[in-house]
């Protein structure tokens, strides 16, 4: 094995200068450790004090509110009383006499008598007229049609019908037509005003009944 010589610089004996430097380094390290411990022991108190200063809050006092002032209502004006007028004396005057004037009597007027000639209506039921009855339609008999027809007839002074109108129908056109056809051939007793025959209107009822047929 090769041996180590005393001339190797790594294994050489430390000089007094190196020993002094090593001692200074070790001393500085101890001082740093001690200083760090001192700082660690004193800082919590400072931090705690700072935290307490930050947390504590001082509430500001509330402003004092003045109570509302009560305003008295305005006084109600009192109505002024007007003095009553004094009565005024009025002199009463006697009414003036009224003159009465008597109207002169008028002579009596002669009474006029208005006599109107009596009017008799036209007739269609006289026996001597021999007016035929309306023909009952065969279809109306078959279907059982019955009813009453009112005809309005204009009678001339000679007793003939000049116009025949249906005033109220029976409800069956066949019966209405049969009644009108029959009455158009009738003869009438004309209306009279006094001794004169006049033209007039008369209502003629026609009844269709299967029981009487």
Protein backbone atom coordinates (compact mmCIF):
# COMPACT_ATOMS: atom_id res chain seq x y z
CA UNK A 1 0.00 0.00 0.00
CA UNK A 2 1.29 3.47 -0.67
CA UNK A 3 1.88 5.57 2.40
CA UNK A 4 0.98 9.14 3.13
CA UNK A 5 3.77 11.66 3.41
CA UNK A 6 3.82 14.47 5.89
CA UNK A 7 4.32 16.87 3.03
CA UNK A 8 0.58 16.54 1.85
CA UNK A 9 -1.14 19.97 2.35
CA UNK A 10 -4.58 18.41 3.26
CA UNK A 11 -3.14 16.47 6.19
CA UNK A 12 -0.83 19.14 7.41
CA UNK A 13 -1.16 20.36 10.99
CA UNK A 14 -3.43 23.48 11.36
CA UNK A 15 -1.63 26.72 11.89
CA UNK A 16 -2.55 29.17 14.66
CA UNK A 17 -4.28 31.45 12.13
CA UNK A 18 -6.64 28.70 10.99
CA UNK A 19 -7.46 27.87 14.55
CA UNK A 20 -8.36 31.49 15.22
CA UNK A 21 -10.59 31.64 12.15
CA UNK A 22 -12.36 28.40 13.09
CA UNK A 23 -12.98 29.69 16.59
CA UNK A 24 -14.39 32.94 15.24
CA UNK A 25 -16.76 31.07 12.91
CA UNK A 26 -17.95 28.79 15.71
CA UNK A 27 -18.45 31.78 18.00
CA UNK A 28 -20.42 33.64 15.35
CA UNK A 29 -22.63 30.61 14.84
CA UNK A 30 -23.39 30.39 18.54
CA UNK A 31 -24.10 34.10 18.72
CA UNK A 32 -26.49 33.81 15.76
CA UNK A 33 -28.32 30.91 17.41
CA UNK A 34 -28.65 32.81 20.67
CA UNK A 35 -29.86 35.94 18.89
CA UNK A 36 -32.45 33.98 16.95
CA UNK A 37 -33.80 32.45 20.14
CA UNK A 38 -34.01 35.86 21.74
CA UNK A 39 -35.91 37.26 18.79
CA UNK A 40 -38.32 34.30 18.80
CA UNK A 41 -39.03 34.86 22.49
CA UNK A 42 -39.81 38.58 22.15
CA UNK A 43 -41.75 38.72 18.78
CA UNK A 44 -44.96 36.91 19.91
CA UNK A 45 -45.63 39.61 22.43
CA UNK A 46 -45.24 42.29 19.79
CA UNK A 47 -47.51 40.41 17.31
CA UNK A 48 -50.15 39.79 19.97
CA UNK A 49 -50.18 43.42 20.90
CA UNK A 50 -50.53 44.40 17.26
CA UNK A 51 -53.44 41.97 16.77
CA UNK A 52 -55.23 43.34 19.82
CA UNK A 53 -54.93 46.84 18.46
CA UNK A 54 -56.44 45.76 15.13
CA UNK A 55 -59.40 43.82 16.57
CA UNK A 56 -60.62 46.31 19.15
CA UNK A 57 -63.19 48.77 17.69
CA UNK A 58 -64.50 51.92 19.33
CA UNK A 59 -68.17 52.61 18.63
CA UNK A 60 -68.98 56.21 17.88
CA UNK A 61 -71.68 57.72 20.11
CA UNK A 62 -75.14 58.01 18.46
CA UNK A 63 -76.25 61.55 17.66
CA UNK A 64 -78.84 62.91 20.00
CA UNK A 65 -82.25 63.30 18.27
CA UNK A 66 -84.24 66.29 19.38
CA UNK A 67 -87.90 65.49 20.20
CA UNK A 68 -90.41 66.79 17.57
CA UNK A 69 -91.93 70.10 18.39
CA UNK A 70 -95.70 70.11 18.75
CA UNK A 71 -97.22 72.84 16.59
CA UNK A 72 -100.51 74.11 18.02
CA UNK A 73 -103.44 74.14 15.52
CA UNK A 74 -104.37 77.50 14.05
CA UNK A 75 -107.20 79.23 15.86
CA UNK A 76 -110.64 78.75 14.32
CA UNK A 77 -112.05 82.09 13.16
CA UNK A 78 -115.22 82.95 14.97
CA UNK A 79 -118.11 84.07 12.72
CA UNK A 80 -118.96 87.67 13.05
CA UNK A 81 -122.53 88.28 13.99
CA UNK A 82 -124.33 90.81 11.88
CA UNK A 83 -126.76 93.08 13.64
CA UNK A 84 -130.38 92.32 12.89
CA UNK A 85 -132.07 95.01 10.79
CA UNK A 86 -134.61 97.03 12.63
CA UNK A 87 -138.22 96.65 11.48
CA UNK A 88 -139.38 99.33 9.10
CA UNK A 89 -142.83 100.71 9.63
CA UNK A 90 -144.95 100.51 6.47
CA UNK A 91 -148.07 102.56 6.11
CA UNK A 92 -151.00 100.48 4.93
CA UNK A 93 -153.09 102.07 2.25
CA UNK A 94 -156.75 101.37 1.84
CA UNK A 95 -157.55 99.55 -1.44
CA UNK A 96 -159.02 101.68 -4.16
CA UNK A 97 -162.68 101.04 -4.82
CA UNK A 98 -163.35 98.86 -7.83
CA UNK A 99 -165.90 100.07 -10.26
CA UNK A 100 -168.35 97.40 -11.35
CA UNK A 101 -169.56 97.59 -14.93
CA UNK A 102 -172.72 95.76 -15.80
CA UNK A 103 -172.77 94.22 -19.26
CA UNK A 104 -175.79 94.94 -21.34
CA UNK A 105 -177.93 91.86 -21.97
CA UNK A 106 -177.60 90.48 -25.50
CA UNK A 107 -180.61 89.43 -27.48
CA UNK A 108 -181.16 85.65 -27.57
CA UNK A 109 -179.89 83.91 -30.71
CA UNK A 110 -182.25 81.69 -32.63
CA UNK A 111 -181.61 77.98 -32.00
CA UNK A 112 -180.56 76.02 -35.08
CA UNK A 113 -181.52 72.37 -35.28
CA UNK A 114 -179.08 70.15 -37.21
CA UNK A 115 -180.72 66.97 -38.24
CA UNK A 116 -178.55 64.28 -39.85
CA UNK A 117 -180.14 61.58 -41.89
CA UNK A 118 -179.77 58.12 -40.40
CA UNK A 119 -177.49 55.69 -42.27
CA UNK A 120 -178.29 52.00 -42.53
CA UNK A 121 -175.58 49.48 -43.41
CA UNK A 122 -175.60 47.26 -46.44
CA UNK A 123 -177.05 43.75 -46.01
CA UNK A 124 -176.34 40.38 -47.62
CA UNK A 125 -178.69 38.09 -45.62
CA UNK A 126 -182.03 39.06 -47.11
CA UNK A 127 -184.07 36.04 -48.19
CA UNK A 128 -185.02 37.49 -51.53
CA UNK A 129 -181.38 37.86 -52.51
CA UNK A 130 -181.00 34.06 -52.86
CA UNK A 131 -177.20 34.21 -52.56
CA UNK A 132 -175.65 30.75 -53.14
CA UNK A 133 -173.38 29.20 -50.54
CA UNK A 134 -169.67 28.79 -51.35
CA UNK A 135 -168.66 25.43 -52.80
CA UNK A 136 -166.66 23.29 -50.36
CA UNK A 137 -163.45 22.30 -52.21
CA UNK A 138 -163.09 18.52 -52.72
CA UNK A 139 -159.41 18.58 -51.66
CA UNK A 140 -160.34 20.45 -48.47
CA UNK A 141 -162.94 17.78 -47.64
CA UNK A 142 -160.39 15.03 -48.27
CA UNK A 143 -157.74 16.63 -46.00
CA UNK A 144 -160.26 17.72 -43.36
CA UNK A 145 -159.71 21.48 -43.78
CA UNK A 146 -162.11 23.69 -41.80
CA UNK A 147 -162.09 27.36 -40.87
CA UNK A 148 -163.70 30.80 -40.94
CA UNK A 149 -162.97 33.49 -43.53
CA UNK A 150 -163.76 37.19 -43.05
CA UNK A 151 -164.26 39.14 -46.29
CA UNK A 152 -164.42 42.93 -46.64
CA UNK A 153 -166.81 43.82 -49.46
CA UNK A 154 -167.40 47.19 -51.13
CA UNK A 155 -171.08 47.46 -52.13
CA UNK A 156 -172.22 49.89 -54.80
CA UNK A 157 -175.50 51.87 -54.57
CA UNK A 158 -176.93 49.30 -56.96
CA UNK A 159 -176.17 46.42 -54.56
CA UNK A 160 -173.32 44.75 -56.50
CA UNK A 161 -169.90 44.01 -54.99
CA UNK A 162 -167.23 46.19 -56.62
CA UNK A 163 -164.32 44.93 -54.46
CA UNK A 164 -163.79 41.87 -52.28
CA UNK A 165 -160.80 41.64 -49.90
CA UNK A 166 -159.73 38.95 -47.42
CA UNK A 167 -159.83 40.63 -44.03
CA UNK A 168 -158.86 37.53 -42.00
CA UNK A 169 -157.90 34.21 -43.69
CA UNK A 170 -158.97 30.79 -42.50
CA UNK A 171 -155.50 29.29 -42.64
CA UNK A 172 -156.23 27.28 -45.80
CA UNK A 173 -155.82 29.03 -49.17
CA UNK A 174 -158.37 26.73 -50.88
CA UNK A 175 -161.11 27.79 -48.44
CA UNK A 176 -160.21 31.48 -48.79
CA UNK A 177 -160.38 31.30 -52.60
CA UNK A 178 -163.75 29.46 -52.56
CA UNK A 179 -165.29 32.07 -50.24
CA UNK A 180 -164.05 35.01 -52.33
CA UNK A 181 -165.30 33.46 -55.59
CA UNK A 182 -168.78 32.92 -54.16
CA UNK A 183 -169.19 36.41 -52.63
CA UNK A 184 -168.09 38.12 -55.85
CA UNK A 185 -171.36 36.79 -57.42
CA UNK A 186 -173.66 37.86 -54.59
CA UNK A 187 -176.23 40.61 -54.48
CA UNK A 188 -176.52 43.06 -51.58
CA UNK A 189 -178.99 45.50 -50.13
CA UNK A 190 -177.11 48.80 -50.44
CA UNK A 191 -176.58 51.14 -47.53
CA UNK A 192 -179.13 53.96 -47.16
CA UNK A 193 -178.78 57.56 -46.02
CA UNK A 194 -182.31 58.62 -45.56
CA UNK A 195 -184.03 57.67 -48.81
CA UNK A 196 -180.82 57.56 -50.88
CA UNK A 197 -178.71 54.46 -51.56
CA UNK A 198 -175.00 55.01 -50.99
CA UNK A 199 -171.75 53.12 -51.47
CA UNK A 200 -170.36 51.44 -48.36
CA UNK A 201 -168.19 48.62 -46.98
CA UNK A 202 -169.53 45.55 -45.20
CA UNK A 203 -167.86 42.52 -43.56
CA UNK A 204 -169.05 39.07 -44.67
CA UNK A 205 -168.14 35.97 -42.57
CA UNK A 206 -167.94 32.57 -44.35
CA UNK A 207 -167.67 29.38 -42.24
CA UNK A 208 -166.46 26.06 -43.67
CA UNK A 209 -167.42 23.08 -41.48
CA UNK A 210 -167.44 19.40 -42.46
CA UNK A 211 -170.13 18.65 -39.88
CA UNK A 212 -172.60 21.07 -41.45
CA UNK A 213 -171.70 20.16 -45.04
